[in-house]
């Protein structure tokens, strides 16, 4: 049995659907209805990261765990999940982290939280695999409403490049690590096949949609104000720090690891945009 956390999220949902097709899989979360919407026939169980005993019950009988946590303001969630995994006899944890942990210049809340999570995984006594993706191509879905209504994307630093990755590729790599041997005690940098800027992404969207998509630059200060309206201030500040590092070129390195794991080239942004064109129309 493989247990998937974060199944209602972007990568976790893809992992759940891939695993459930061929492997005994259990989806763990707080809402049965939301979990069942991911894979209607899946084995689903409710648990709360704040309640270790509920996690122990959810992990009973599991051989492997795909671990996704989402709240850097609650570091105890990861501690509870790993402790429950040990108690339940889980053998292998595949943890979704972030490539920013390898950047010495990254000292923001989210990156330091991920570093601490990785340290916990290494110290857990379990077999582990760390997945470190760059930013997800699907983050550009936040532009969809503006593209539909105004044919416009407003973004800071539109010429800065990021080797963003298709979350479906990350999910496929996770399934490989969860279901095949040889990935224990490995750290995988997962990037797309090229570094691409927001302006270039808008060009691809325009071509896919066959209509103009205008990229408009906004200041980092304006972007921070928008983030602060949706996230707690420490998280908004971390997003600002991350954006500044992208502007300094920290996120444009392309790594061949993902293509090696998948046995094929990593998905391009153009291919991702083509598959998701309906979301922008």
C-alpha atoms as a PDB file:
ATOM      1  CA  UNK A   1       0.000   0.000   0.000  1.00  0.00           C
ATOM      2  CA  UNK A   2       1.199   3.494  -0.892  1.00  0.00           C
ATOM      3  CA  UNK A   3      -0.270   6.482   0.957  1.00  0.00           C
ATOM      4  CA  UNK A   4      -0.492   9.842  -0.784  1.00  0.00           C
ATOM      5  CA  UNK A   5      -0.798  13.124   1.101  1.00  0.00           C
ATOM      6  CA  UNK A   6      -1.598  16.331  -0.758  1.00  0.00           C
ATOM      7  CA  UNK A   7      -3.838  14.420  -3.165  1.00  0.00           C
ATOM      8  CA  UNK A   8      -6.159  17.422  -3.603  1.00  0.00           C
ATOM      9  CA  UNK A   9      -3.201  19.552  -4.692  1.00  0.00           C
ATOM     10  CA  UNK A  10      -1.432  19.921  -8.011  1.00  0.00           C
ATOM     11  CA  UNK A  11       1.324  17.288  -7.844  1.00  0.00           C
ATOM     12  CA  UNK A  12      -0.399  15.051  -5.309  1.00  0.00           C
ATOM     13  CA  UNK A  13      -3.487  14.759  -7.486  1.00  0.00           C
ATOM     14  CA  UNK A  14      -1.439  13.606 -10.461  1.00  0.00           C
ATOM     15  CA  UNK A  15       0.457  11.137  -8.251  1.00  0.00           C
ATOM     16  CA  UNK A  16      -2.815   9.750  -6.902  1.00  0.00           C
ATOM     17  CA  UNK A  17      -4.284   9.192 -10.354  1.00  0.00           C
ATOM     18  CA  UNK A  18      -1.135   7.531 -11.680  1.00  0.00           C
ATOM     19  CA  UNK A  19      -0.744   5.230  -8.686  1.00  0.00           C
ATOM     20  CA  UNK A  20      -4.390   4.226  -8.394  1.00  0.00           C
ATOM     21  CA  UNK A  21      -4.328   2.848 -11.940  1.00  0.00           C
ATOM     22  CA  UNK A  22      -1.823   0.110 -11.055  1.00  0.00           C
ATOM     23  CA  UNK A  23      -0.986   0.047  -7.347  1.00  0.00           C
ATOM     24  CA  UNK A  24      -2.850  -0.296  -4.037  1.00  0.00           C
ATOM     25  CA  UNK A  25      -3.139   3.333  -2.960  1.00  0.00           C
ATOM     26  CA  UNK A  26      -4.704   5.266  -0.109  1.00  0.00           C
ATOM     27  CA  UNK A  27      -5.366   9.006  -0.207  1.00  0.00           C
ATOM     28  CA  UNK A  28      -4.987  10.900   3.062  1.00  0.00           C
ATOM     29  CA  UNK A  29      -6.588  14.266   3.774  1.00  0.00           C
ATOM     30  CA  UNK A  30      -9.122  16.172   5.844  1.00  0.00           C
ATOM     31  CA  UNK A  31     -12.078  16.002   3.418  1.00  0.00           C
ATOM     32  CA  UNK A  32     -13.426  12.697   2.141  1.00  0.00           C
ATOM     33  CA  UNK A  33     -15.495  14.418  -0.541  1.00  0.00           C
ATOM     34  CA  UNK A  34     -12.522  16.308  -1.956  1.00  0.00           C
ATOM     35  CA  UNK A  35     -10.373  13.179  -1.910  1.00  0.00           C
ATOM     36  CA  UNK A  36     -13.040  11.134  -3.682  1.00  0.00           C
ATOM     37  CA  UNK A  37     -13.274  13.822  -6.352  1.00  0.00           C
ATOM     38  CA  UNK A  38      -9.623  13.130  -7.231  1.00  0.00           C
ATOM     39  CA  UNK A  39     -10.079   9.382  -7.807  1.00  0.00           C
ATOM     40  CA  UNK A  40     -13.686   8.319  -7.136  1.00  0.00           C
ATOM     41  CA  UNK A  41     -12.845   4.652  -6.553  1.00  0.00           C
ATOM     42  CA  UNK A  42      -9.784   5.267  -4.369  1.00  0.00           C
ATOM     43  CA  UNK A  43      -9.311   4.153  -0.769  1.00  0.00           C
ATOM     44  CA  UNK A  44      -9.577   7.438   1.159  1.00  0.00           C
ATOM     45  CA  UNK A  45      -9.088   8.222   4.833  1.00  0.00           C
ATOM     46  CA  UNK A  46      -9.339  11.386   6.878  1.00  0.00           C
ATOM     47  CA  UNK A  47      -6.452  12.571   9.022  1.00  0.00           C
ATOM     48  CA  UNK A  48      -5.041  15.859  10.245  1.00  0.00           C
ATOM     49  CA  UNK A  49      -1.353  16.815  10.234  1.00  0.00           C
ATOM     50  CA  UNK A  50      -1.890  18.379  13.660  1.00  0.00           C
ATOM     51  CA  UNK A  51      -3.100  15.038  15.088  1.00  0.00           C
ATOM     52  CA  UNK A  52      -0.362  12.404  15.030  1.00  0.00           C
ATOM     53  CA  UNK A  53      -2.654   9.607  16.199  1.00  0.00           C
ATOM     54  CA  UNK A  54      -4.957  10.191  13.211  1.00  0.00           C
ATOM     55  CA  UNK A  55      -1.937   9.984  10.914  1.00  0.00           C
ATOM     56  CA  UNK A  56      -0.830   6.712  12.502  1.00  0.00           C
ATOM     57  CA  UNK A  57      -4.239   5.193  11.815  1.00  0.00           C
ATOM     58  CA  UNK A  58      -4.214   6.470   8.229  1.00  0.00           C
ATOM     59  CA  UNK A  59      -0.749   5.028   7.572  1.00  0.00           C
ATOM     60  CA  UNK A  60      -1.419   1.597   9.054  1.00  0.00           C
ATOM     61  CA  UNK A  61      -0.321  -1.093   6.602  1.00  0.00           C
ATOM     62  CA  UNK A  62       1.462   1.330   4.264  1.00  0.00           C
ATOM     63  CA  UNK A  63       4.750   0.372   2.625  1.00  0.00           C
ATOM     64  CA  UNK A  64       5.528   3.819   1.152  1.00  0.00           C
ATOM     65  CA  UNK A  65       4.437   7.422   1.621  1.00  0.00           C
ATOM     66  CA  UNK A  66       4.310  10.363  -0.750  1.00  0.00           C
ATOM     67  CA  UNK A  67       4.707  13.280   1.644  1.00  0.00           C
ATOM     68  CA  UNK A  68       3.419  16.741   0.778  1.00  0.00           C
ATOM     69  CA  UNK A  69       2.862  19.426   3.390  1.00  0.00           C
ATOM     70  CA  UNK A  70       1.827  22.962   2.578  1.00  0.00           C
ATOM     71  CA  UNK A  71       2.025  25.278   5.580  1.00  0.00           C
ATOM     72  CA  UNK A  72       5.450  26.717   6.459  1.00  0.00           C
ATOM     73  CA  UNK A  73       3.880  28.339   9.527  1.00  0.00           C
ATOM     74  CA  UNK A  74       3.194  24.856  10.977  1.00  0.00           C
ATOM     75  CA  UNK A  75       6.528  22.993  10.998  1.00  0.00           C
ATOM     76  CA  UNK A  76       5.145  20.432  13.444  1.00  0.00           C
ATOM     77  CA  UNK A  77       3.073  18.948  10.620  1.00  0.00           C
ATOM     78  CA  UNK A  78       6.122  17.309   9.072  1.00  0.00           C
ATOM     79  CA  UNK A  79       7.359  16.084  12.430  1.00  0.00           C
ATOM     80  CA  UNK A  80       3.985  14.469  13.125  1.00  0.00           C
ATOM     81  CA  UNK A  81       3.824  12.849   9.681  1.00  0.00           C
ATOM     82  CA  UNK A  82       7.282  11.311   9.908  1.00  0.00           C
ATOM     83  CA  UNK A  83       6.746  10.107  13.474  1.00  0.00           C
ATOM     84  CA  UNK A  84       3.486   8.484  12.405  1.00  0.00           C
ATOM     85  CA  UNK A  85       5.238   6.862   9.435  1.00  0.00           C
ATOM     86  CA  UNK A  86       7.829   5.290  11.737  1.00  0.00           C
ATOM     87  CA  UNK A  87       5.160   4.036  14.132  1.00  0.00           C
ATOM     88  CA  UNK A  88       3.105   2.583  11.286  1.00  0.00           C
ATOM     89  CA  UNK A  89       6.080   0.748   9.781  1.00  0.00           C
ATOM     90  CA  UNK A  90       6.366   2.743   6.571  1.00  0.00           C
ATOM     91  CA  UNK A  91       9.586   1.779   4.776  1.00  0.00           C
ATOM     92  CA  UNK A  92      10.102   4.551   2.210  1.00  0.00           C
ATOM     93  CA  UNK A  93       9.169   8.245   2.172  1.00  0.00           C
ATOM     94  CA  UNK A  94       9.220  10.276  -1.038  1.00  0.00           C
ATOM     95  CA  UNK A  95       9.153  13.912   0.036  1.00  0.00           C
ATOM     96  CA  UNK A  96       8.187  16.848  -2.196  1.00  0.00           C
ATOM     97  CA  UNK A  97      10.647  19.654  -1.456  1.00  0.00           C
ATOM     98  CA  UNK A  98      11.912  22.544  -3.613  1.00  0.00           C
ATOM     99  CA  UNK A  99      15.064  23.241  -5.611  1.00  0.00           C
ATOM    100  CA  UNK A 100      15.581  26.536  -3.780  1.00  0.00           C
ATOM    101  CA  UNK A 101      17.037  24.572  -0.836  1.00  0.00           C
ATOM    102  CA  UNK A 102      20.277  24.230  -2.829  1.00  0.00           C
ATOM    103  CA  UNK A 103      20.658  28.007  -3.257  1.00  0.00           C
ATOM    104  CA  UNK A 104      22.860  29.518  -0.533  1.00  0.00           C
ATOM    105  CA  UNK A 105      21.316  32.927  -1.267  1.00  0.00           C
ATOM    106  CA  UNK A 106      17.819  31.678  -0.422  1.00  0.00           C
ATOM    107  CA  UNK A 107      17.108  32.496   3.214  1.00  0.00           C
ATOM    108  CA  UNK A 108      13.342  33.046   3.172  1.00  0.00           C
ATOM    109  CA  UNK A 109      10.714  31.411   5.366  1.00  0.00           C
ATOM    110  CA  UNK A 110       9.521  28.867   2.789  1.00  0.00           C
ATOM    111  CA  UNK A 111      12.989  27.717   1.742  1.00  0.00           C
ATOM    112  CA  UNK A 112      14.226  27.368   5.311  1.00  0.00           C
ATOM    113  CA  UNK A 113      11.080  25.391   6.157  1.00  0.00           C
ATOM    114  CA  UNK A 114      11.814  23.025   3.286  1.00  0.00           C
ATOM    115  CA  UNK A 115      15.417  22.645   4.431  1.00  0.00           C
ATOM    116  CA  UNK A 116      14.209  21.730   7.911  1.00  0.00           C
ATOM    117  CA  UNK A 117      11.744  19.253   6.401  1.00  0.00           C
ATOM    118  CA  UNK A 118      14.549  17.598   4.444  1.00  0.00           C
ATOM    119  CA  UNK A 119      16.654  17.360   7.610  1.00  0.00           C
ATOM    120  CA  UNK A 120      13.769  15.626   9.363  1.00  0.00           C
ATOM    121  CA  UNK A 121      13.405  13.135   6.523  1.00  0.00           C
ATOM    122  CA  UNK A 122      17.124  12.308   6.548  1.00  0.00           C
ATOM    123  CA  UNK A 123      17.059  11.828  10.325  1.00  0.00           C
ATOM    124  CA  UNK A 124      13.890   9.704  10.275  1.00  0.00           C
ATOM    125  CA  UNK A 125      15.610   6.349  10.017  1.00  0.00           C
ATOM    126  CA  UNK A 126      13.482   5.519   6.957  1.00  0.00           C
ATOM    127  CA  UNK A 127      14.500   5.084   3.350  1.00  0.00           C
ATOM    128  CA  UNK A 128      13.844   8.393   1.623  1.00  0.00           C
ATOM    129  CA  UNK A 129      13.861  10.226  -1.700  1.00  0.00           C
ATOM    130  CA  UNK A 130      13.826  14.018  -1.952  1.00  0.00           C
ATOM    131  CA  UNK A 131      12.172  15.595  -4.997  1.00  0.00           C
ATOM    132  CA  UNK A 132      13.265  19.185  -5.614  1.00  0.00           C
ATOM    133  CA  UNK A 133      11.237  20.757  -8.414  1.00  0.00           C
ATOM    134  CA  UNK A 134      11.670  24.239  -9.767  1.00  0.00           C
ATOM    135  CA  UNK A 135       8.499  26.389 -10.041  1.00  0.00           C
ATOM    136  CA  UNK A 136       5.497  24.669 -11.602  1.00  0.00           C
ATOM    137  CA  UNK A 137       4.318  25.645 -15.061  1.00  0.00           C
ATOM    138  CA  UNK A 138       0.805  25.413 -13.656  1.00  0.00           C
ATOM    139  CA  UNK A 139       1.487  28.525 -11.563  1.00  0.00           C
ATOM    140  CA  UNK A 140       0.625  30.483 -14.694  1.00  0.00           C
ATOM    141  CA  UNK A 141      -2.985  29.346 -14.297  1.00  0.00           C
ATOM    142  CA  UNK A 142      -3.214  32.335 -11.945  1.00  0.00           C
ATOM    143  CA  UNK A 143      -3.173  34.419 -15.140  1.00  0.00           C
ATOM    144  CA  UNK A 144      -6.226  32.689 -16.619  1.00  0.00           C
ATOM    145  CA  UNK A 145      -8.896  35.144 -15.484  1.00  0.00           C
ATOM    146  CA  UNK A 146      -6.956  38.157 -16.755  1.00  0.00           C
ATOM    147  CA  UNK A 147      -6.143  36.417 -20.034  1.00  0.00           C
ATOM    148  CA  UNK A 148      -9.804  35.549 -20.576  1.00  0.00           C
ATOM    149  CA  UNK A 149     -11.113  38.980 -19.645  1.00  0.00           C
ATOM    150  CA  UNK A 150      -8.405  41.344 -20.862  1.00  0.00           C
ATOM    151  CA  UNK A 151      -5.908  39.317 -22.937  1.00  0.00           C
ATOM    152  CA  UNK A 152      -3.324  40.621 -20.476  1.00  0.00           C
ATOM    153  CA  UNK A 153      -0.858  39.257 -17.915  1.00  0.00           C
ATOM    154  CA  UNK A 154       0.520  41.606 -15.235  1.00  0.00           C
ATOM    155  CA  UNK A 155       3.734  40.294 -13.706  1.00  0.00           C
ATOM    156  CA  UNK A 156       6.930  41.576 -12.112  1.00  0.00           C
ATOM    157  CA  UNK A 157      10.224  41.085 -13.939  1.00  0.00           C
ATOM    158  CA  UNK A 158       8.725  39.761 -17.195  1.00  0.00           C
ATOM    159  CA  UNK A 159      12.155  39.091 -18.740  1.00  0.00           C
ATOM    160  CA  UNK A 160      13.498  37.014 -15.825  1.00  0.00           C
ATOM    161  CA  UNK A 161      13.854  33.312 -16.542  1.00  0.00           C
ATOM    162  CA  UNK A 162      12.846  30.228 -14.572  1.00  0.00           C
ATOM    163  CA  UNK A 163      13.440  26.582 -15.575  1.00  0.00           C
ATOM    164  CA  UNK A 164       9.854  25.807 -14.624  1.00  0.00           C
ATOM    165  CA  UNK A 165       8.611  22.232 -14.707  1.00  0.00           C
ATOM    166  CA  UNK A 166       5.363  20.502 -15.636  1.00  0.00           C
ATOM    167  CA  UNK A 167       3.854  19.142 -12.383  1.00  0.00           C
ATOM    168  CA  UNK A 168       2.750  16.058 -14.326  1.00  0.00           C
ATOM    169  CA  UNK A 169       6.431  15.267 -14.915  1.00  0.00           C
ATOM    170  CA  UNK A 170       7.166  15.729 -11.211  1.00  0.00           C
ATOM    171  CA  UNK A 171       4.313  13.359 -10.386  1.00  0.00           C
ATOM    172  CA  UNK A 172       5.633  10.773 -12.826  1.00  0.00           C
ATOM    173  CA  UNK A 173       9.062  11.006 -11.183  1.00  0.00           C
ATOM    174  CA  UNK A 174       7.428  10.550  -7.781  1.00  0.00           C
ATOM    175  CA  UNK A 175       5.634   7.398  -8.926  1.00  0.00           C
ATOM    176  CA  UNK A 176       8.899   5.994 -10.288  1.00  0.00           C
ATOM    177  CA  UNK A 177      10.592   6.635  -6.942  1.00  0.00           C
ATOM    178  CA  UNK A 178       7.677   5.097  -5.027  1.00  0.00           C
ATOM    179  CA  UNK A 179       7.344   1.948  -7.111  1.00  0.00           C
ATOM    180  CA  UNK A 180      10.819   1.015  -8.376  1.00  0.00           C
ATOM    181  CA  UNK A 181      14.082   0.218  -6.613  1.00  0.00           C
ATOM    182  CA  UNK A 182      17.236   2.298  -6.557  1.00  0.00           C
ATOM    183  CA  UNK A 183      15.896   5.688  -5.469  1.00  0.00           C
ATOM    184  CA  UNK A 184      16.561   5.385  -1.747  1.00  0.00           C
ATOM    185  CA  UNK A 185      18.668   8.152  -0.156  1.00  0.00           C
ATOM    186  CA  UNK A 186      18.615  10.168  -3.400  1.00  0.00           C
ATOM    187  CA  UNK A 187      18.039  13.890  -3.973  1.00  0.00           C
ATOM    188  CA  UNK A 188      16.607  14.792  -7.383  1.00  0.00           C
ATOM    189  CA  UNK A 189      16.656  18.266  -8.946  1.00  0.00           C
ATOM    190  CA  UNK A 190      13.652  18.476 -11.270  1.00  0.00           C
ATOM    191  CA  UNK A 191      13.501  21.249 -13.878  1.00  0.00           C
ATOM    192  CA  UNK A 192      11.893  21.820 -17.216  1.00  0.00           C
ATOM    193  CA  UNK A 193      13.915  21.542 -20.436  1.00  0.00           C
ATOM    194  CA  UNK A 194      14.577  25.268 -20.739  1.00  0.00           C
ATOM    195  CA  UNK A 195      14.586  28.467 -18.737  1.00  0.00           C
ATOM    196  CA  UNK A 196      11.673  30.621 -19.830  1.00  0.00           C
ATOM    197  CA  UNK A 197      10.483  34.101 -18.896  1.00  0.00           C
ATOM    198  CA  UNK A 198       6.918  35.290 -18.228  1.00  0.00           C
ATOM    199  CA  UNK A 199       7.097  37.322 -21.446  1.00  0.00           C
ATOM    200  CA  UNK A 200       8.002  34.189 -23.406  1.00  0.00           C
ATOM    201  CA  UNK A 201       5.250  32.218 -21.695  1.00  0.00           C
ATOM    202  CA  UNK A 202       2.783  34.888 -22.812  1.00  0.00           C
ATOM    203  CA  UNK A 203       4.051  34.511 -26.364  1.00  0.00           C
ATOM    204  CA  UNK A 204       3.428  30.764 -26.222  1.00  0.00           C
ATOM    205  CA  UNK A 205      -0.059  31.321 -24.819  1.00  0.00           C
ATOM    206  CA  UNK A 206      -0.844  33.785 -27.597  1.00  0.00           C
ATOM    207  CA  UNK A 207       0.207  31.283 -30.229  1.00  0.00           C
ATOM    208  CA  UNK A 208      -1.723  28.424 -28.615  1.00  0.00           C
ATOM    209  CA  UNK A 209      -4.856  30.551 -28.142  1.00  0.00           C
ATOM    210  CA  UNK A 210      -4.509  32.240 -31.544  1.00  0.00           C
ATOM    211  CA  UNK A 211      -5.076  35.680 -30.059  1.00  0.00           C
ATOM    212  CA  UNK A 212      -2.901  38.343 -28.443  1.00  0.00           C
ATOM    213  CA  UNK A 213      -1.728  37.961 -24.849  1.00  0.00           C
ATOM    214  CA  UNK A 214      -0.021  41.132 -23.667  1.00  0.00           C
ATOM    215  CA  UNK A 215       2.590  40.950 -20.888  1.00  0.00           C
ATOM    216  CA  UNK A 216       2.566  44.049 -18.671  1.00  0.00           C
ATOM    217  CA  UNK A 217       5.314  44.693 -16.133  1.00  0.00           C
ATOM    218  CA  UNK A 218       4.398  45.658 -12.585  1.00  0.00           C
ATOM    219  CA  UNK A 219       6.766  46.592  -9.780  1.00  0.00           C
ATOM    220  CA  UNK A 220       7.857  44.121  -7.126  1.00  0.00           C
ATOM    221  CA  UNK A 221       6.244  46.419  -4.582  1.00  0.00           C
ATOM    222  CA  UNK A 222       2.865  46.091  -6.301  1.00  0.00           C
ATOM    223  CA  UNK A 223       3.300  42.319  -6.561  1.00  0.00           C
ATOM    224  CA  UNK A 224       4.108  42.139  -2.844  1.00  0.00           C
ATOM    225  CA  UNK A 225       0.980  44.140  -2.008  1.00  0.00           C
ATOM    226  CA  UNK A 226      -1.119  41.636  -3.963  1.00  0.00           C
ATOM    227  CA  UNK A 227       0.547  38.662  -2.265  1.00  0.00           C
ATOM    228  CA  UNK A 228       0.046  40.224   1.158  1.00  0.00           C
ATOM    229  CA  UNK A 229      -3.705  40.402   0.486  1.00  0.00           C
ATOM    230  CA  UNK A 230      -3.860  36.629  -0.002  1.00  0.00           C
ATOM    231  CA  UNK A 231      -1.142  35.235   2.306  1.00  0.00           C
ATOM    232  CA  UNK A 232       0.186  35.911   5.818  1.00  0.00           C
ATOM    233  CA  UNK A 233       2.906  38.539   5.804  1.00  0.00           C
ATOM    234  CA  UNK A 234       5.828  36.099   6.344  1.00  0.00           C
ATOM    235  CA  UNK A 235       4.763  34.052   3.328  1.00  0.00           C
ATOM    236  CA  UNK A 236       4.255  37.159   1.180  1.00  0.00           C
ATOM    237  CA  UNK A 237       7.735  38.293   2.176  1.00  0.00           C
ATOM    238  CA  UNK A 238       9.138  34.889   1.172  1.00  0.00           C
ATOM    239  CA  UNK A 239       7.461  35.183  -2.230  1.00  0.00           C
ATOM    240  CA  UNK A 240       9.020  38.610  -2.674  1.00  0.00           C
ATOM    241  CA  UNK A 241      12.479  37.271  -1.798  1.00  0.00           C
ATOM    242  CA  UNK A 242      11.962  34.414  -4.258  1.00  0.00           C
ATOM    243  CA  UNK A 243      10.968  36.826  -7.024  1.00  0.00           C
ATOM    244  CA  UNK A 244      14.064  38.911  -6.406  1.00  0.00           C
ATOM    245  CA  UNK A 245      16.279  35.838  -6.719  1.00  0.00           C
ATOM    246  CA  UNK A 246      14.621  34.966 -10.011  1.00  0.00           C
ATOM    247  CA  UNK A 247      15.369  38.461 -11.228  1.00  0.00           C
ATOM    248  CA  UNK A 248      19.004  37.882 -10.290  1.00  0.00           C
ATOM    249  CA  UNK A 249      19.105  34.753 -12.445  1.00  0.00           C
ATOM    250  CA  UNK A 250      19.067  32.206  -9.622  1.00  0.00           C
ATOM    251  CA  UNK A 251      16.369  30.002 -11.154  1.00  0.00           C
ATOM    252  CA  UNK A 252      17.428  29.594 -14.766  1.00  0.00           C
ATOM    253  CA  UNK A 253      19.684  26.547 -14.446  1.00  0.00           C
ATOM    254  CA  UNK A 254      18.448  23.461 -16.342  1.00  0.00           C
ATOM    255  CA  UNK A 255      19.138  20.035 -14.839  1.00  0.00           C
ATOM    256  CA  UNK A 256      19.069  16.757 -16.848  1.00  0.00           C
ATOM    257  CA  UNK A 257      17.875  14.584 -13.953  1.00  0.00           C
ATOM    258  CA  UNK A 258      14.171  14.616 -14.796  1.00  0.00           C
ATOM    259  CA  UNK A 259      14.682  13.498 -18.385  1.00  0.00           C
ATOM    260  CA  UNK A 260      16.917  10.677 -17.129  1.00  0.00           C
ATOM    261  CA  UNK A 261      14.306   9.511 -14.627  1.00  0.00           C
ATOM    262  CA  UNK A 262      11.454   9.653 -17.144  1.00  0.00           C
ATOM    263  CA  UNK A 263      13.400   8.203 -20.049  1.00  0.00           C
ATOM    264  CA  UNK A 264      12.149  11.057 -22.259  1.00  0.00           C
ATOM    265  CA  UNK A 265      12.589  14.830 -22.523  1.00  0.00           C
ATOM    266  CA  UNK A 266      10.892  16.931 -19.874  1.00  0.00           C
ATOM    267  CA  UNK A 267       7.707  18.659 -21.056  1.00  0.00           C
ATOM    268  CA  UNK A 268       8.062  22.128 -22.583  1.00  0.00           C
ATOM    269  CA  UNK A 269       5.939  25.078 -21.549  1.00  0.00           C
ATOM    270  CA  UNK A 270       4.455  25.180 -25.048  1.00  0.00           C
ATOM    271  CA  UNK A 271       3.238  21.579 -24.662  1.00  0.00           C
ATOM    272  CA  UNK A 272       1.853  22.326 -21.198  1.00  0.00           C
ATOM    273  CA  UNK A 273       0.050  25.431 -22.512  1.00  0.00           C
ATOM    274  CA  UNK A 274      -1.429  23.459 -25.404  1.00  0.00           C
ATOM    275  CA  UNK A 275      -2.827  20.862 -23.021  1.00  0.00           C
ATOM    276  CA  UNK A 276      -4.327  23.569 -20.778  1.00  0.00           C
ATOM    277  CA  UNK A 277      -5.510  26.054 -23.401  1.00  0.00           C
ATOM    278  CA  UNK A 278      -9.128  25.540 -22.346  1.00  0.00           C
ATOM    279  CA  UNK A 279      -8.317  27.033 -18.947  1.00  0.00           C
ATOM    280  CA  UNK A 280      -7.371  30.334 -20.590  1.00  0.00           C
ATOM    281  CA  UNK A 281     -10.228  30.479 -23.115  1.00  0.00           C
END
